[in-house]
Amino acid sequence: MNDRPSYSSVFFMFLRNSLVRDLSFRSNFWVECVSSLSWVIMNLGFYLLIFSYTNSIGNDTGWGKWEFFVFLATTLLVNSLVQMFFMPNIQEFSELIRTGKLDFALLKPIDTQFLISFEKVNWPSTANFLFGILLMSISLYQLTHRPTDPIELTAGMVALYAVFLLCGVAILYSLMIVLAASSIWLGRNTSLYDFWFYITSFSRYPMEIYNAGSLGLTLKMIFTFAIPILIVVNVPARILAQPMGVDPTDKWMLSGYMIVATALSLLFSRWVFKMSLKSYRSASS
């Protein structure tokens, strides 16, 4: 008899339990949905205001109004998935260490990283995810029906987009695990969310804005190769918004690099997590 748990069954149990918990307080659930959507709509309004003064983000970048809204929709999809599945769990990880409750997670017959990553699901984040799909649909309709150079959307492009979208989520998850694992060495890392916000803010804009000046190029190199967060949104967004790309060679080189960066990020975060657990001292020790 196999005593190992079914990870898929455990995952769906987490989904169901989290949904029951959130819907037990329906007023709070809807307030969270409305508040997160309000921020997204205000952010969209800000970019609509910008495009009332210009036709594109920079000269000859290819990021016109609707191309950029594909980029913005991709940002919403990636961030909503991260906030839905990982953010509530990673934020709580430092408290598990401080209070000694990590002992109970270590004793369970299931992988500890899986348990602390998926135990809670933030269902109100689905509001942002659905809004991202709506914005993406409107933007792609505009791009495929424009009178000049319309985009020809194919099933292959959509499939590649989904793959690279998940790669982006995996890279951000890996960064979160590395930051959370530092709580074992630091004792308490209450600034995790703040640092996370500061770092990921660089990924919310097209890479082309970093092409000006030595400072911009330095930031581009750091956040592409040292901490690969610039490719999280840029690569999948280019698949749909710029199928030929400003530079087709550069686009496909970045796509290949993203696959490698995703694998290396997951392996590195797994190694850091295991090494941090070796330094953990239980509450009873």
Protein backbone atom coordinates (compact mmCIF):
# COMPACT_ATOMS: atom_id res chain seq x y z
CA MET A 1 0.00 0.00 0.00
CA ASN A 2 1.33 3.43 -0.94
CA ASP A 3 1.33 5.74 2.08
CA ARG A 4 2.43 8.78 0.08
CA PRO A 5 -0.37 11.36 -0.29
CA SER A 6 -1.78 12.32 -3.65
CA TYR A 7 -0.51 15.83 -4.25
CA SER A 8 -3.31 16.62 -6.69
CA SER A 9 -5.93 15.53 -4.13
CA VAL A 10 -4.26 17.60 -1.42
CA PHE A 11 -4.08 20.62 -3.73
CA PHE A 12 -7.79 20.45 -4.59
CA MET A 13 -8.57 20.02 -0.89
CA PHE A 14 -6.66 23.27 -0.23
CA LEU A 15 -8.68 24.96 -2.98
CA ARG A 16 -11.99 23.75 -1.55
CA ASN A 17 -11.15 24.56 2.07
CA SER A 18 -9.96 28.05 1.18
CA LEU A 19 -13.09 28.74 -0.84
CA VAL A 20 -15.30 27.58 2.03
CA ARG A 21 -13.35 29.75 4.44
CA ASP A 22 -13.57 32.85 2.22
CA LEU A 23 -17.27 32.41 1.49
CA SER A 24 -18.00 31.98 5.20
CA PHE A 25 -17.42 35.74 5.39
CA ARG A 26 -19.02 36.83 2.15
CA SER A 27 -19.08 40.52 2.91
CA ASN A 28 -15.34 40.50 3.49
CA PHE A 29 -14.87 38.43 0.32
CA TRP A 30 -16.70 40.97 -1.84
CA VAL A 31 -15.02 43.93 -0.14
CA GLU A 32 -11.62 42.44 -1.00
CA CYS A 33 -12.71 41.85 -4.59
CA VAL A 34 -13.99 45.41 -4.98
CA SER A 35 -10.96 47.00 -3.30
CA SER A 36 -8.46 45.11 -5.49
CA LEU A 37 -10.49 45.87 -8.62
CA SER A 38 -10.66 49.55 -7.67
CA TRP A 39 -6.87 49.76 -7.61
CA VAL A 40 -6.66 48.00 -10.99
CA ILE A 41 -9.24 50.30 -12.58
CA MET A 42 -7.48 53.40 -11.25
CA ASN A 43 -4.20 52.06 -12.65
CA LEU A 44 -5.88 51.49 -16.02
CA GLY A 45 -7.27 55.02 -15.92
CA PHE A 46 -3.75 56.35 -15.35
CA TYR A 47 -2.48 54.65 -18.51
CA LEU A 48 -5.51 55.79 -20.50
CA LEU A 49 -4.59 59.32 -19.46
CA ILE A 50 -1.01 58.78 -20.64
CA PHE A 51 -2.16 57.51 -24.04
CA SER A 52 -4.34 60.57 -24.47
CA TYR A 53 -1.05 62.45 -24.92
CA THR A 54 1.02 59.90 -26.84
CA ASN A 55 0.55 57.01 -29.26
CA SER A 56 3.24 54.69 -27.92
CA ILE A 57 5.62 54.04 -25.05
CA GLY A 58 8.78 55.50 -26.57
CA ASN A 59 9.72 55.93 -30.22
CA ASP A 60 9.94 52.84 -32.45
CA THR A 61 9.41 50.45 -29.54
CA GLY A 62 6.27 48.82 -30.94
CA TRP A 63 4.39 49.35 -27.69
CA GLY A 64 1.36 51.28 -28.84
CA LYS A 65 -1.80 51.72 -26.80
CA TRP A 66 -3.35 48.28 -27.32
CA GLU A 67 0.01 46.48 -27.34
CA PHE A 68 0.74 48.00 -23.96
CA PHE A 69 -2.69 46.99 -22.66
CA VAL A 70 -1.83 43.40 -23.61
CA PHE A 71 1.30 43.92 -21.50
CA LEU A 72 -0.80 45.36 -18.67
CA ALA A 73 -3.27 42.47 -18.87
CA THR A 74 -0.37 40.01 -18.69
CA THR A 75 0.90 41.80 -15.59
CA LEU A 76 -2.53 41.41 -13.99
CA LEU A 77 -2.71 37.71 -14.85
CA VAL A 78 0.76 36.93 -13.50
CA ASN A 79 0.37 38.96 -10.32
CA SER A 80 -3.14 37.66 -9.59
CA LEU A 81 -1.93 34.05 -9.84
CA VAL A 82 1.00 34.79 -7.53
CA GLN A 83 -1.24 36.60 -5.05
CA MET A 84 -3.87 33.88 -5.22
CA PHE A 85 -1.67 30.85 -4.62
CA PHE A 86 1.57 31.98 -3.01
CA MET A 87 1.47 35.40 -1.35
CA PRO A 88 -0.75 34.50 1.68
CA ASN A 89 1.35 31.41 2.39
CA ILE A 90 4.76 32.99 1.95
CA GLN A 91 3.80 35.95 4.12
CA GLU A 92 2.84 33.54 6.91
CA PHE A 93 6.06 31.53 6.66
CA SER A 94 8.05 33.85 8.93
CA GLU A 95 5.33 33.56 11.58
CA LEU A 96 5.50 29.76 11.38
CA ILE A 97 9.20 30.01 12.14
CA ARG A 98 8.85 32.57 14.91
CA THR A 99 6.06 30.70 16.71
CA GLY A 100 7.50 27.22 16.14
CA LYS A 101 4.48 26.04 14.14
CA LEU A 102 6.81 25.03 11.34
CA ASP A 103 7.43 21.90 13.43
CA PHE A 104 3.95 20.63 12.57
CA ALA A 105 4.53 21.22 8.85
CA LEU A 106 7.80 19.28 8.99
CA LEU A 107 6.10 16.33 10.68
CA LYS A 108 3.41 15.94 8.03
CA PRO A 109 3.94 13.15 5.44
CA ILE A 110 4.10 15.59 2.55
CA ASP A 111 6.74 17.82 1.03
CA THR A 112 7.19 20.86 3.30
CA GLN A 113 7.69 23.33 0.46
CA PHE A 114 4.50 22.15 -1.23
CA LEU A 115 2.59 22.45 2.04
CA ILE A 116 3.68 25.99 2.91
CA SER A 117 3.24 27.14 -0.70
CA PHE A 118 -0.35 26.01 -1.33
CA GLU A 119 -2.06 25.58 2.03
CA LYS A 120 -4.09 28.79 1.68
CA VAL A 121 -5.61 30.14 -1.52
CA ASN A 122 -6.68 33.78 -1.79
CA TRP A 123 -9.87 33.47 -3.84
CA PRO A 124 -10.63 37.24 -4.03
CA SER A 125 -7.60 37.55 -6.33
CA THR A 126 -9.70 35.86 -9.03
CA ALA A 127 -11.38 39.25 -9.51
CA ASN A 128 -8.12 40.71 -10.86
CA PHE A 129 -7.52 37.57 -12.93
CA LEU A 130 -10.93 37.86 -14.61
CA PHE A 131 -10.42 41.57 -15.21
CA GLY A 132 -7.05 40.75 -16.80
CA ILE A 133 -8.74 38.29 -19.16
CA LEU A 134 -11.34 40.93 -20.07
CA LEU A 135 -8.67 43.55 -20.76
CA MET A 136 -6.68 41.03 -22.78
CA SER A 137 -9.72 40.11 -24.88
CA ILE A 138 -10.53 43.75 -25.67
CA SER A 139 -6.90 44.56 -26.50
CA LEU A 140 -6.46 41.56 -28.78
CA TYR A 141 -9.73 42.36 -30.55
CA GLN A 142 -8.43 45.86 -31.28
CA LEU A 143 -5.08 44.51 -32.51
CA THR A 144 -6.60 41.85 -34.74
CA HIS A 145 -9.20 44.20 -36.27
CA ARG A 146 -7.16 47.35 -36.77
CA PRO A 147 -7.11 48.61 -40.39
CA THR A 148 -3.30 48.57 -40.76
CA ASP A 149 -1.06 45.58 -39.98
CA PRO A 150 -3.59 43.57 -37.97
CA ILE A 151 -2.20 40.75 -35.85
CA GLU A 152 -3.08 37.24 -36.99
CA LEU A 153 -3.73 35.37 -33.77
CA THR A 154 -3.06 31.62 -33.93
CA ALA A 155 -3.58 28.71 -31.54
CA GLY A 156 0.19 28.28 -31.36
CA MET A 157 0.65 31.84 -30.15
CA VAL A 158 -1.99 31.35 -27.45
CA ALA A 159 -0.37 28.08 -26.33
CA LEU A 160 3.08 29.68 -26.17
CA TYR A 161 1.61 32.59 -24.26
CA ALA A 162 0.14 30.23 -21.65
CA VAL A 163 3.48 28.40 -21.28
CA PHE A 164 5.48 31.59 -20.80
CA LEU A 165 2.82 33.01 -18.49
CA LEU A 166 3.32 30.00 -16.20
CA CYS A 167 7.08 30.42 -16.53
CA GLY A 168 6.71 34.00 -15.29
CA VAL A 169 4.66 32.83 -12.31
CA ALA A 170 7.32 30.20 -11.55
CA ILE A 171 10.12 32.79 -11.59
CA LEU A 172 8.26 35.10 -9.20
CA TYR A 173 7.43 32.13 -6.97
CA SER A 174 11.09 31.14 -6.86
CA LEU A 175 12.04 34.66 -5.79
CA MET A 176 9.40 34.57 -3.06
CA ILE A 177 10.66 31.23 -1.73
CA VAL A 178 14.22 32.54 -1.55
CA LEU A 179 13.07 35.64 0.33
CA ALA A 180 10.89 33.58 2.66
CA ALA A 181 13.68 31.08 3.39
CA SER A 182 15.79 33.95 4.68
CA SER A 183 13.35 34.14 7.60
CA ILE A 184 14.97 31.01 9.04
CA TRP A 185 18.34 32.76 9.22
CA LEU A 186 16.96 36.18 10.16
CA GLY A 187 14.39 34.91 12.66
CA ARG A 188 11.68 37.21 11.34
CA ASN A 189 11.34 38.85 7.95
CA THR A 190 8.40 41.22 8.25
CA SER A 191 9.63 43.37 5.36
CA LEU A 192 9.17 40.55 2.83
CA TYR A 193 6.14 42.09 1.11
CA ASP A 194 7.74 45.55 0.93
CA PHE A 195 10.94 44.20 -0.60
CA TRP A 196 8.88 42.06 -2.96
CA PHE A 197 6.93 45.13 -4.12
CA TYR A 198 10.11 47.16 -4.71
CA ILE A 199 11.78 44.41 -6.74
CA THR A 200 8.79 43.43 -8.87
CA SER A 201 7.97 47.06 -9.71
CA PHE A 202 10.75 46.86 -12.34
CA SER A 203 8.84 44.14 -14.22
CA ARG A 204 5.74 46.28 -14.75
CA TYR A 205 7.10 48.14 -17.77
CA PRO A 206 8.43 47.09 -21.20
CA MET A 207 12.15 46.35 -21.36
CA GLU A 208 12.64 49.04 -23.98
CA ILE A 209 12.36 51.85 -21.40
CA TYR A 210 15.68 50.67 -19.92
CA ASN A 211 17.59 51.12 -23.20
CA ALA A 212 18.47 54.77 -22.49
CA GLY A 213 21.71 55.61 -20.70
CA SER A 214 24.19 53.56 -18.72
CA LEU A 215 21.93 53.42 -15.65
CA GLY A 216 19.03 52.02 -17.67
CA LEU A 217 21.21 49.41 -19.36
CA THR A 218 22.72 48.41 -16.01
CA LEU A 219 19.27 47.91 -14.50
CA LYS A 220 18.21 45.97 -17.57
CA MET A 221 21.18 43.61 -17.27
CA ILE A 222 20.70 43.09 -13.51
CA PHE A 223 16.97 42.41 -13.69
CA THR A 224 17.27 40.23 -16.78
CA PHE A 225 20.18 37.98 -15.88
CA ALA A 226 20.97 38.33 -12.13
CA ILE A 227 17.33 38.56 -10.97
CA PRO A 228 15.29 37.64 -14.08
CA ILE A 229 12.13 39.59 -13.36
CA LEU A 230 12.10 41.76 -16.49
CA ILE A 231 11.32 38.72 -18.64
CA VAL A 232 8.38 37.66 -16.43
CA VAL A 233 5.86 39.84 -18.28
CA ASN A 234 7.83 41.01 -21.31
CA VAL A 235 8.27 37.62 -22.96
CA PRO A 236 4.65 36.36 -22.85
CA ALA A 237 3.29 39.82 -23.73
CA ARG A 238 5.52 39.97 -26.82
CA ILE A 239 4.17 36.62 -28.00
CA LEU A 240 0.70 38.13 -28.43
CA ALA A 241 1.20 41.88 -28.77
CA GLN A 242 4.26 41.78 -31.04
CA PRO A 243 4.28 38.47 -32.91
CA MET A 244 7.04 39.68 -35.24
CA GLY A 245 8.68 41.78 -32.53
CA VAL A 246 10.74 44.93 -32.88
CA ASP A 247 13.66 42.53 -33.24
CA PRO A 248 12.50 38.95 -33.99
CA THR A 249 15.92 37.47 -33.14
CA ASP A 250 15.94 39.22 -29.77
CA LYS A 251 12.39 38.03 -29.05
CA TRP A 252 13.14 34.35 -29.60
CA MET A 253 16.47 34.55 -27.79
CA LEU A 254 14.64 35.98 -24.77
CA SER A 255 12.02 33.24 -25.05
CA GLY A 256 14.70 30.53 -24.97
CA TYR A 257 16.46 32.26 -22.11
CA MET A 258 13.21 32.40 -20.15
CA ILE A 259 12.86 28.62 -20.26
CA VAL A 260 16.40 28.24 -18.93
CA ALA A 261 15.89 30.99 -16.32
CA THR A 262 12.70 29.34 -15.09
CA ALA A 263 14.38 25.98 -14.60
CA LEU A 264 17.40 27.51 -12.88
CA SER A 265 15.21 29.70 -10.65
CA LEU A 266 13.14 26.73 -9.48
CA LEU A 267 16.23 24.61 -8.83
CA PHE A 268 18.00 27.42 -6.97
CA SER A 269 14.97 28.25 -4.82
CA ARG A 270 14.55 24.56 -3.98
CA TRP A 271 18.21 24.34 -2.95
CA VAL A 272 17.96 27.50 -0.80
CA PHE A 273 14.80 26.21 0.87
CA LYS A 274 16.38 22.86 1.74
CA MET A 275 19.54 24.53 3.03
CA SER A 276 17.49 26.88 5.20
CA LEU A 277 15.57 23.96 6.73
CA LYS A 278 18.90 22.47 7.84
CA SER A 279 19.48 25.63 9.89
CA TYR A 280 16.03 25.52 11.46
CA ARG A 281 15.85 24.89 15.19
CA SER A 282 12.47 23.62 16.31
CA ALA A 283 10.50 25.22 19.12
CA SER A 284 11.15 22.18 21.34
CA SER A 285 14.93 22.17 20.85
